[in-house]
Amino acid sequence: MLTPTVVRTWAPRGQTPIFRHSQRHDRISVISGISVSPTRSRVGLYYQWHHHNIRELEAVAFLRHLLRHLRGHVFLIWDRLGVHRGKLVAKLCRRVPRLHLEFLPAYAPELNPDEGVWRMTKRRLANNCPTDRFDLALDVLHELEALRREPRRLWSCIKHSGLRL
């Protein structure tokens, strides 16, 4: 959202930091996932962003994006968000036999490695005051690209989740 996430920061003594921002609630939505190669030697980060909330069509488009970029069988571990369990997603899974969906327990964000991606991204964007959603999108995409280039940080998201591969 355009409303900044405020975290503790440093400033010269006697100069309290002030964040000026509008009270706009514009937002962007991003769908993302971490990939792990079958030999567990490589990790990757895939994402797509939208100006509106992610719906089933966007979830299916993201799955197709993954299938275009990943060879072989794709085992996707997803949370139980409604758009992840919709009719269009199920239809795609029936049509594409190499796509396998596994769902996390009902409410278990600590098991989702992708939550680590967002925790890191939001932390890096804390105290940031974008002027509009395009600035917000650029900032988020910049951080995601930086994270994509750092496999060590992606592995830390997986290890922190406690999921056994």
N, C-alpha and C. Protein backbone atom coordinates (compact mmCIF):
# COMPACT_ATOMS: atom_id res chain seq x y z
N MET A 1 0.83 -1.19 0.00
CA MET A 1 0.00 0.00 0.00
C MET A 1 0.88 1.24 0.00
N LEU A 2 0.28 2.36 -0.35
CA LEU A 2 1.03 3.62 -0.35
C LEU A 2 1.32 4.12 1.06
N THR A 3 0.54 3.67 2.03
CA THR A 3 0.81 4.06 3.40
C THR A 3 2.11 3.39 3.83
N PRO A 4 3.10 4.15 4.26
CA PRO A 4 4.40 3.54 4.55
C PRO A 4 4.37 2.66 5.79
N THR A 5 5.18 1.62 5.74
CA THR A 5 5.43 0.80 6.92
C THR A 5 6.53 1.51 7.70
N VAL A 6 6.25 1.84 8.93
CA VAL A 6 7.21 2.61 9.72
C VAL A 6 7.90 1.66 10.70
N VAL A 7 9.22 1.69 10.69
CA VAL A 7 10.01 0.92 11.64
C VAL A 7 10.98 1.86 12.33
N ARG A 8 11.55 1.40 13.42
CA ARG A 8 12.52 2.19 14.16
C ARG A 8 13.71 2.49 13.25
N THR A 9 14.19 3.70 13.32
CA THR A 9 15.31 4.11 12.48
C THR A 9 16.21 5.05 13.27
N TRP A 10 17.32 5.40 12.68
CA TRP A 10 18.27 6.31 13.31
C TRP A 10 18.12 7.71 12.72
N ALA A 11 18.40 8.70 13.54
CA ALA A 11 18.40 10.09 13.10
C ALA A 11 19.34 10.86 14.02
N PRO A 12 19.82 11.99 13.55
CA PRO A 12 20.65 12.81 14.44
C PRO A 12 19.87 13.18 15.70
N ARG A 13 20.56 13.29 16.81
CA ARG A 13 19.93 13.61 18.09
C ARG A 13 19.13 14.91 17.97
N GLY A 14 17.90 14.83 18.44
CA GLY A 14 17.03 16.01 18.43
C GLY A 14 16.30 16.23 17.11
N GLN A 15 16.52 15.38 16.11
CA GLN A 15 15.85 15.54 14.81
C GLN A 15 15.00 14.31 14.53
N THR A 16 13.81 14.31 15.05
CA THR A 16 12.90 13.18 14.87
C THR A 16 12.55 13.04 13.39
N PRO A 17 12.71 11.84 12.82
CA PRO A 17 12.35 11.65 11.42
C PRO A 17 10.86 11.86 11.21
N ILE A 18 10.50 12.53 10.13
CA ILE A 18 9.10 12.78 9.80
C ILE A 18 8.85 12.21 8.41
N PHE A 19 7.83 11.38 8.30
CA PHE A 19 7.45 10.81 7.01
C PHE A 19 6.20 11.51 6.53
N ARG A 20 6.33 12.21 5.44
CA ARG A 20 5.17 12.89 4.85
C ARG A 20 4.60 11.98 3.76
N HIS A 21 3.33 11.69 3.90
CA HIS A 21 2.67 10.85 2.90
C HIS A 21 1.20 11.22 2.85
N SER A 22 0.59 10.89 1.73
CA SER A 22 -0.85 11.13 1.62
C SER A 22 -1.58 9.97 2.27
N GLN A 23 -2.82 10.15 2.55
CA GLN A 23 -3.62 9.08 3.17
C GLN A 23 -4.25 8.18 2.12
N ARG A 24 -3.63 8.12 0.94
CA ARG A 24 -4.17 7.28 -0.13
C ARG A 24 -3.96 5.81 0.21
N HIS A 25 -4.91 5.00 -0.19
CA HIS A 25 -4.83 3.57 0.09
C HIS A 25 -4.66 2.77 -1.21
N ASP A 26 -4.07 3.42 -2.24
CA ASP A 26 -3.79 2.69 -3.47
C ASP A 26 -2.85 1.55 -3.14
N ARG A 27 -2.93 0.51 -3.92
CA ARG A 27 -2.09 -0.64 -3.66
C ARG A 27 -1.78 -1.36 -4.96
N ILE A 28 -0.80 -2.23 -4.90
CA ILE A 28 -0.57 -3.17 -5.98
C ILE A 28 -0.64 -4.57 -5.35
N SER A 29 -0.88 -5.55 -6.17
CA SER A 29 -0.91 -6.94 -5.71
C SER A 29 0.16 -7.70 -6.48
N VAL A 30 0.88 -8.55 -5.77
CA VAL A 30 1.94 -9.33 -6.39
C VAL A 30 1.75 -10.79 -6.00
N ILE A 31 1.86 -11.66 -6.99
CA ILE A 31 1.84 -13.10 -6.74
C ILE A 31 3.25 -13.58 -7.01
N SER A 32 3.77 -14.43 -6.13
CA SER A 32 5.16 -14.84 -6.29
C SER A 32 5.36 -16.26 -5.79
N GLY A 33 6.50 -16.82 -6.14
CA GLY A 33 6.85 -18.15 -5.68
C GLY A 33 8.34 -18.39 -5.81
N ILE A 34 8.84 -19.24 -4.94
CA ILE A 34 10.24 -19.64 -4.96
C ILE A 34 10.31 -21.02 -5.61
N SER A 35 11.23 -21.18 -6.56
CA SER A 35 11.43 -22.50 -7.17
C SER A 35 12.71 -23.12 -6.64
N VAL A 36 12.68 -24.44 -6.55
CA VAL A 36 13.86 -25.20 -6.14
C VAL A 36 14.08 -26.28 -7.19
N SER A 37 15.30 -26.38 -7.72
CA SER A 37 15.58 -27.37 -8.74
C SER A 37 15.48 -28.78 -8.15
N PRO A 38 15.24 -29.79 -8.99
CA PRO A 38 15.12 -31.17 -8.48
C PRO A 38 16.36 -31.64 -7.71
N THR A 39 17.52 -31.16 -8.09
CA THR A 39 18.74 -31.57 -7.39
C THR A 39 19.02 -30.68 -6.19
N ARG A 40 18.13 -29.73 -5.94
CA ARG A 40 18.25 -28.77 -4.84
C ARG A 40 19.52 -27.93 -4.94
N SER A 41 19.97 -27.72 -6.18
CA SER A 41 21.20 -26.94 -6.35
C SER A 41 20.90 -25.49 -6.72
N ARG A 42 19.71 -25.21 -7.21
CA ARG A 42 19.37 -23.85 -7.62
C ARG A 42 18.01 -23.44 -7.06
N VAL A 43 17.90 -22.16 -6.75
CA VAL A 43 16.62 -21.58 -6.36
C VAL A 43 16.33 -20.42 -7.30
N GLY A 44 15.06 -20.11 -7.44
CA GLY A 44 14.66 -19.00 -8.29
C GLY A 44 13.46 -18.31 -7.67
N LEU A 45 13.21 -17.11 -8.14
CA LEU A 45 12.06 -16.34 -7.68
C LEU A 45 11.27 -15.90 -8.90
N TYR A 46 9.99 -16.19 -8.90
CA TYR A 46 9.09 -15.80 -9.98
C TYR A 46 7.99 -14.94 -9.38
N TYR A 47 7.56 -13.94 -10.14
CA TYR A 47 6.49 -13.07 -9.64
C TYR A 47 5.80 -12.36 -10.79
N GLN A 48 4.61 -11.89 -10.53
CA GLN A 48 3.85 -11.03 -11.44
C GLN A 48 3.10 -10.02 -10.57
N TRP A 49 2.98 -8.80 -11.05
CA TRP A 49 2.26 -7.79 -10.27
C TRP A 49 1.07 -7.27 -11.05
N HIS A 50 0.09 -6.77 -10.30
CA HIS A 50 -1.18 -6.30 -10.88
C HIS A 50 -1.64 -5.05 -10.13
N HIS A 51 -2.46 -4.24 -10.80
CA HIS A 51 -3.01 -3.03 -10.19
C HIS A 51 -4.23 -3.32 -9.32
N HIS A 52 -4.73 -4.53 -9.38
CA HIS A 52 -5.94 -4.88 -8.63
C HIS A 52 -5.66 -6.15 -7.82
N ASN A 53 -6.60 -6.54 -7.00
CA ASN A 53 -6.43 -7.76 -6.22
C ASN A 53 -6.29 -8.97 -7.14
N ILE A 54 -5.49 -9.92 -6.70
CA ILE A 54 -5.28 -11.14 -7.48
C ILE A 54 -6.58 -11.95 -7.45
N ARG A 55 -7.01 -12.31 -8.66
CA ARG A 55 -8.20 -13.16 -8.78
C ARG A 55 -7.77 -14.48 -9.42
N GLU A 56 -8.73 -15.32 -9.66
CA GLU A 56 -8.41 -16.64 -10.21
C GLU A 56 -7.72 -16.57 -11.56
N LEU A 57 -8.13 -15.66 -12.41
CA LEU A 57 -7.50 -15.53 -13.73
C LEU A 57 -6.01 -15.21 -13.59
N GLU A 58 -5.67 -14.35 -12.66
CA GLU A 58 -4.26 -13.99 -12.44
C GLU A 58 -3.48 -15.17 -11.87
N ALA A 59 -4.13 -15.94 -11.00
CA ALA A 59 -3.46 -17.13 -10.44
C ALA A 59 -3.16 -18.14 -11.55
N VAL A 60 -4.11 -18.34 -12.46
CA VAL A 60 -3.90 -19.25 -13.59
C VAL A 60 -2.80 -18.71 -14.51
N ALA A 61 -2.81 -17.42 -14.75
CA ALA A 61 -1.76 -16.82 -15.59
C ALA A 61 -0.39 -17.01 -14.96
N PHE A 62 -0.31 -16.91 -13.63
CA PHE A 62 0.96 -17.12 -12.95
C PHE A 62 1.40 -18.58 -13.08
N LEU A 63 0.47 -19.51 -12.95
CA LEU A 63 0.80 -20.92 -13.12
C LEU A 63 1.31 -21.20 -14.53
N ARG A 64 0.68 -20.60 -15.51
CA ARG A 64 1.15 -20.77 -16.90
C ARG A 64 2.54 -20.18 -17.07
N HIS A 65 2.78 -19.05 -16.42
CA HIS A 65 4.11 -18.42 -16.45
C HIS A 65 5.15 -19.39 -15.87
N LEU A 66 4.84 -20.01 -14.74
CA LEU A 66 5.76 -20.98 -14.14
C LEU A 66 6.00 -22.16 -15.08
N LEU A 67 4.93 -22.67 -15.68
CA LEU A 67 5.06 -23.83 -16.56
C LEU A 67 5.90 -23.51 -17.80
N ARG A 68 5.85 -22.27 -18.27
CA ARG A 68 6.69 -21.87 -19.42
C ARG A 68 8.16 -21.82 -19.04
N HIS A 69 8.46 -21.47 -17.80
CA HIS A 69 9.85 -21.27 -17.39
C HIS A 69 10.48 -22.46 -16.69
N LEU A 70 9.69 -23.38 -16.18
CA LEU A 70 10.23 -24.53 -15.45
C LEU A 70 9.97 -25.80 -16.24
N ARG A 71 11.01 -26.62 -16.39
CA ARG A 71 10.87 -27.88 -17.11
C ARG A 71 10.49 -28.99 -16.14
N GLY A 72 9.96 -30.05 -16.70
CA GLY A 72 9.63 -31.22 -15.90
C GLY A 72 8.41 -30.98 -15.02
N HIS A 73 8.26 -31.85 -14.03
CA HIS A 73 7.13 -31.75 -13.12
C HIS A 73 7.30 -30.54 -12.21
N VAL A 74 6.20 -29.86 -11.97
CA VAL A 74 6.20 -28.69 -11.09
C VAL A 74 5.30 -29.03 -9.90
N PHE A 75 5.91 -29.08 -8.71
CA PHE A 75 5.17 -29.32 -7.48
C PHE A 75 5.04 -27.97 -6.78
N LEU A 76 3.82 -27.51 -6.68
CA LEU A 76 3.57 -26.19 -6.12
C LEU A 76 2.93 -26.32 -4.74
N ILE A 77 3.58 -25.72 -3.76
CA ILE A 77 3.04 -25.71 -2.40
C ILE A 77 2.38 -24.35 -2.20
N TRP A 78 1.08 -24.37 -1.99
CA TRP A 78 0.31 -23.14 -1.91
C TRP A 78 -0.45 -23.07 -0.60
N ASP A 79 -0.75 -21.83 -0.18
CA ASP A 79 -1.65 -21.69 0.96
C ASP A 79 -3.08 -21.91 0.46
N ARG A 80 -4.02 -21.84 1.34
CA ARG A 80 -5.40 -22.18 0.99
C ARG A 80 -6.25 -20.96 0.61
N LEU A 81 -5.62 -19.96 0.05
CA LEU A 81 -6.36 -18.80 -0.43
C LEU A 81 -7.40 -19.26 -1.45
N GLY A 82 -8.56 -18.65 -1.43
CA GLY A 82 -9.65 -19.07 -2.31
C GLY A 82 -9.28 -19.11 -3.78
N VAL A 83 -8.53 -18.12 -4.27
CA VAL A 83 -8.18 -18.11 -5.69
C VAL A 83 -7.23 -19.25 -6.04
N HIS A 84 -6.52 -19.80 -5.07
CA HIS A 84 -5.62 -20.93 -5.32
C HIS A 84 -6.38 -22.24 -5.46
N ARG A 85 -7.62 -22.26 -4.98
CA ARG A 85 -8.41 -23.50 -4.99
C ARG A 85 -9.60 -23.41 -5.93
N GLY A 86 -9.62 -22.42 -6.80
CA GLY A 86 -10.78 -22.20 -7.66
C GLY A 86 -10.93 -23.18 -8.81
N LYS A 87 -12.04 -23.05 -9.50
CA LYS A 87 -12.38 -23.95 -10.61
C LYS A 87 -11.38 -23.84 -11.77
N LEU A 88 -10.95 -22.62 -12.07
CA LEU A 88 -10.02 -22.44 -13.19
C LEU A 88 -8.66 -23.08 -12.89
N VAL A 89 -8.22 -22.98 -11.65
CA VAL A 89 -6.95 -23.60 -11.25
C VAL A 89 -7.07 -25.12 -11.35
N ALA A 90 -8.18 -25.66 -10.85
CA ALA A 90 -8.40 -27.11 -10.92
C ALA A 90 -8.45 -27.58 -12.36
N LYS A 91 -9.09 -26.80 -13.21
CA LYS A 91 -9.19 -27.15 -14.63
C LYS A 91 -7.80 -27.18 -15.27
N LEU A 92 -6.97 -26.21 -14.95
CA LEU A 92 -5.61 -26.18 -15.48
C LEU A 92 -4.82 -27.40 -15.00
N CYS A 93 -4.98 -27.77 -13.75
CA CYS A 93 -4.27 -28.94 -13.20
C CYS A 93 -4.69 -30.22 -13.90
N ARG A 94 -5.96 -30.32 -14.25
CA ARG A 94 -6.42 -31.52 -14.97
C ARG A 94 -5.85 -31.56 -16.38
N ARG A 95 -5.72 -30.38 -17.01
CA ARG A 95 -5.19 -30.32 -18.38
C ARG A 95 -3.69 -30.50 -18.46
N VAL A 96 -2.97 -30.13 -17.41
CA VAL A 96 -1.50 -30.17 -17.42
C VAL A 96 -1.04 -31.19 -16.38
N PRO A 97 -0.75 -32.41 -16.82
CA PRO A 97 -0.41 -33.47 -15.86
C PRO A 97 0.91 -33.24 -15.11
N ARG A 98 1.77 -32.37 -15.59
CA ARG A 98 3.04 -32.14 -14.89
C ARG A 98 2.92 -31.11 -13.77
N LEU A 99 1.75 -30.53 -13.60
CA LEU A 99 1.51 -29.57 -12.52
C LEU A 99 0.83 -30.26 -11.35
N HIS A 100 1.47 -30.21 -10.19
CA HIS A 100 0.95 -30.86 -8.99
C HIS A 100 0.82 -29.82 -7.89
N LEU A 101 -0.37 -29.71 -7.31
CA LEU A 101 -0.61 -28.75 -6.23
C LEU A 101 -0.68 -29.46 -4.89
N GLU A 102 0.01 -28.90 -3.93
CA GLU A 102 -0.06 -29.35 -2.54
C GLU A 102 -0.42 -28.12 -1.71
N PHE A 103 -1.32 -28.28 -0.76
CA PHE A 103 -1.77 -27.13 0.03
C PHE A 103 -1.23 -27.20 1.45
N LEU A 104 -0.86 -26.05 1.96
CA LEU A 104 -0.44 -25.93 3.35
C LEU A 104 -1.66 -26.09 4.25
N PRO A 105 -1.46 -26.35 5.53
CA PRO A 105 -2.60 -26.39 6.46
C PRO A 105 -3.36 -25.07 6.44
N ALA A 106 -4.55 -25.09 6.96
CA ALA A 106 -5.48 -23.97 6.86
C ALA A 106 -4.85 -22.61 7.15
N TYR A 107 -4.21 -22.43 8.29
CA TYR A 107 -3.56 -21.16 8.55
C TYR A 107 -2.18 -21.45 9.12
N ALA A 108 -1.20 -21.41 8.22
CA ALA A 108 0.17 -21.71 8.64
C ALA A 108 1.16 -20.87 7.85
N PRO A 109 1.12 -19.52 8.02
CA PRO A 109 2.04 -18.68 7.25
C PRO A 109 3.51 -18.98 7.57
N GLU A 110 3.77 -19.52 8.75
CA GLU A 110 5.15 -19.81 9.11
C GLU A 110 5.73 -20.95 8.27
N LEU A 111 4.88 -21.77 7.65
CA LEU A 111 5.35 -22.86 6.79
C LEU A 111 5.55 -22.43 5.35
N ASN A 112 5.11 -21.25 5.00
CA ASN A 112 5.15 -20.79 3.61
C ASN A 112 6.45 -20.03 3.35
N PRO A 113 7.38 -20.60 2.56
CA PRO A 113 8.65 -19.91 2.27
C PRO A 113 8.45 -18.55 1.60
N ASP A 114 7.37 -18.42 0.84
CA ASP A 114 7.12 -17.15 0.14
C ASP A 114 6.83 -16.02 1.12
N GLU A 115 6.34 -16.34 2.31
CA GLU A 115 6.14 -15.31 3.33
C GLU A 115 7.47 -14.66 3.71
N GLY A 116 8.53 -15.45 3.66
CA GLY A 116 9.87 -14.90 3.93
C GLY A 116 10.29 -13.88 2.89
N VAL A 117 9.92 -14.14 1.64
CA VAL A 117 10.20 -13.18 0.56
C VAL A 117 9.55 -11.85 0.89
N TRP A 118 8.30 -11.91 1.32
CA TRP A 118 7.57 -10.67 1.58
C TRP A 118 8.01 -10.00 2.87
N ARG A 119 8.41 -10.80 3.83
CA ARG A 119 8.95 -10.22 5.07
C ARG A 119 10.22 -9.43 4.75
N MET A 120 11.12 -10.02 3.94
CA MET A 120 12.36 -9.32 3.56
C MET A 120 12.08 -8.08 2.72
N THR A 121 11.18 -8.23 1.76
CA THR A 121 10.87 -7.11 0.87
C THR A 121 10.26 -5.95 1.65
N LYS A 122 9.31 -6.24 2.51
CA LYS A 122 8.67 -5.17 3.28
C LYS A 122 9.65 -4.52 4.24
N ARG A 123 10.54 -5.32 4.79
CA ARG A 123 11.55 -4.77 5.70
C ARG A 123 12.47 -3.80 4.96
N ARG A 124 12.86 -4.18 3.74
CA ARG A 124 13.75 -3.32 2.96
C ARG A 124 13.04 -2.05 2.49
N LEU A 125 11.71 -2.12 2.36
CA LEU A 125 10.94 -0.95 1.91
C LEU A 125 10.36 -0.14 3.07
N ALA A 126 10.67 -0.54 4.29
CA ALA A 126 10.15 0.19 5.45
C ALA A 126 10.65 1.63 5.42
N ASN A 127 9.84 2.53 5.91
CA ASN A 127 10.13 3.97 5.96
C ASN A 127 10.25 4.58 4.57
N ASN A 128 9.70 3.92 3.58
CA ASN A 128 9.70 4.41 2.20
C ASN A 128 8.35 5.08 1.94
N CYS A 129 8.35 6.22 1.29
CA CYS A 129 7.11 6.96 1.02
C CYS A 129 6.92 7.17 -0.48
N PRO A 130 6.41 6.16 -1.20
CA PRO A 130 6.18 6.35 -2.63
C PRO A 130 5.06 7.37 -2.86
N THR A 131 5.14 8.08 -3.98
CA THR A 131 4.14 9.11 -4.27
C THR A 131 2.88 8.55 -4.92
N ASP A 132 3.02 7.47 -5.68
CA ASP A 132 1.85 6.83 -6.30
C ASP A 132 2.13 5.35 -6.45
N ARG A 133 1.15 4.62 -6.95
CA ARG A 133 1.33 3.17 -7.00
C ARG A 133 2.36 2.75 -8.03
N PHE A 134 2.65 3.59 -9.01
CA PHE A 134 3.71 3.26 -9.96
C PHE A 134 5.08 3.32 -9.29
N ASP A 135 5.28 4.32 -8.44
CA ASP A 135 6.52 4.38 -7.65
C ASP A 135 6.60 3.18 -6.71
N LEU A 136 5.48 2.84 -6.11
CA LEU A 136 5.44 1.67 -5.23
C LEU A 136 5.82 0.41 -6.00
N ALA A 137 5.23 0.25 -7.20
CA ALA A 137 5.53 -0.93 -8.02
C ALA A 137 7.02 -0.97 -8.38
N LEU A 138 7.58 0.17 -8.75
CA LEU A 138 9.01 0.20 -9.09
C LEU A 138 9.87 -0.18 -7.90
N ASP A 139 9.52 0.33 -6.73
CA ASP A 139 10.29 -0.01 -5.52
C ASP A 139 10.20 -1.50 -5.20
N VAL A 140 8.99 -2.05 -5.28
CA VAL A 140 8.80 -3.46 -4.97
C VAL A 140 9.54 -4.32 -5.99
N LEU A 141 9.40 -3.99 -7.27
CA LEU A 141 10.07 -4.78 -8.31
C LEU A 141 11.58 -4.69 -8.18
N HIS A 142 12.09 -3.53 -7.81
CA HIS A 142 13.53 -3.38 -7.60
C HIS A 142 14.00 -4.31 -6.48
N GLU A 143 13.26 -4.36 -5.39
CA GLU A 143 13.63 -5.22 -4.26
C GLU A 143 13.51 -6.70 -4.62
N LEU A 144 12.45 -7.05 -5.37
CA LEU A 144 12.29 -8.45 -5.77
C LEU A 144 13.41 -8.89 -6.71
N GLU A 145 13.81 -8.00 -7.61
CA GLU A 145 14.92 -8.33 -8.50
C GLU A 145 16.23 -8.49 -7.72
N ALA A 146 16.43 -7.65 -6.73
CA ALA A 146 17.63 -7.78 -5.89
C ALA A 146 17.61 -9.12 -5.15
N LEU A 147 16.45 -9.50 -4.64
CA LEU A 147 16.31 -10.76 -3.93
C LEU A 147 16.51 -11.94 -4.89
N ARG A 148 16.02 -11.81 -6.10
CA ARG A 148 16.16 -12.87 -7.10
C ARG A 148 17.64 -13.16 -7.38
N ARG A 149 18.47 -12.13 -7.31
CA ARG A 149 19.90 -12.29 -7.59
C ARG A 149 20.70 -12.78 -6.38
N GLU A 150 20.02 -13.03 -5.26
CA GLU A 150 20.72 -13.48 -4.05
C GLU A 150 20.16 -14.82 -3.58
N PRO A 151 20.65 -15.91 -4.16
CA PRO A 151 20.13 -17.24 -3.79
C PRO A 151 20.26 -17.54 -2.30
N ARG A 152 21.28 -17.01 -1.67
CA ARG A 152 21.47 -17.25 -0.23
C ARG A 152 20.26 -16.77 0.56
N ARG A 153 19.73 -15.62 0.20
CA ARG A 153 18.55 -15.09 0.90
C ARG A 153 17.30 -15.91 0.59
N LEU A 154 17.18 -16.40 -0.65
CA LEU A 154 16.03 -17.25 -0.99
C LEU A 154 16.09 -18.56 -0.21
N TRP A 155 17.30 -19.14 -0.10
CA TRP A 155 17.45 -20.36 0.69
C TRP A 155 17.07 -20.10 2.14
N SER A 156 17.39 -18.92 2.64
CA SER A 156 17.05 -18.63 4.04
C SER A 156 15.53 -18.61 4.24
N CYS A 157 14.78 -18.19 3.23
CA CYS A 157 13.31 -18.23 3.32
C CYS A 157 12.82 -19.67 3.43
N ILE A 158 13.44 -20.54 2.66
CA ILE A 158 13.04 -21.95 2.68
C ILE A 158 13.42 -22.58 4.01
N LYS A 159 14.64 -22.34 4.45
CA LYS A 159 15.09 -22.93 5.71
C LYS A 159 14.29 -22.41 6.90
N HIS A 160 13.96 -21.13 6.89
CA HIS A 160 13.18 -20.54 7.98
C HIS A 160 11.79 -21.15 8.09
N SER A 161 11.23 -21.56 6.95
CA SER A 161 9.88 -22.13 6.95
C SER A 161 9.84 -23.49 7.64
N GLY A 162 10.97 -24.19 7.65
CA GLY A 162 11.00 -25.50 8.28
C GLY A 162 10.45 -26.61 7.41
N LEU A 163 10.05 -26.30 6.17
CA LEU A 163 9.56 -27.35 5.27
C LEU A 163 10.72 -28.24 4.84
N ARG A 164 10.46 -29.53 4.84
CA ARG A 164 11.47 -30.44 4.34
C ARG A 164 11.21 -30.66 2.86
N LEU A 165 12.23 -30.52 2.07
CA LEU A 165 12.07 -30.74 0.64
C LEU A 165 12.15 -32.21 0.39
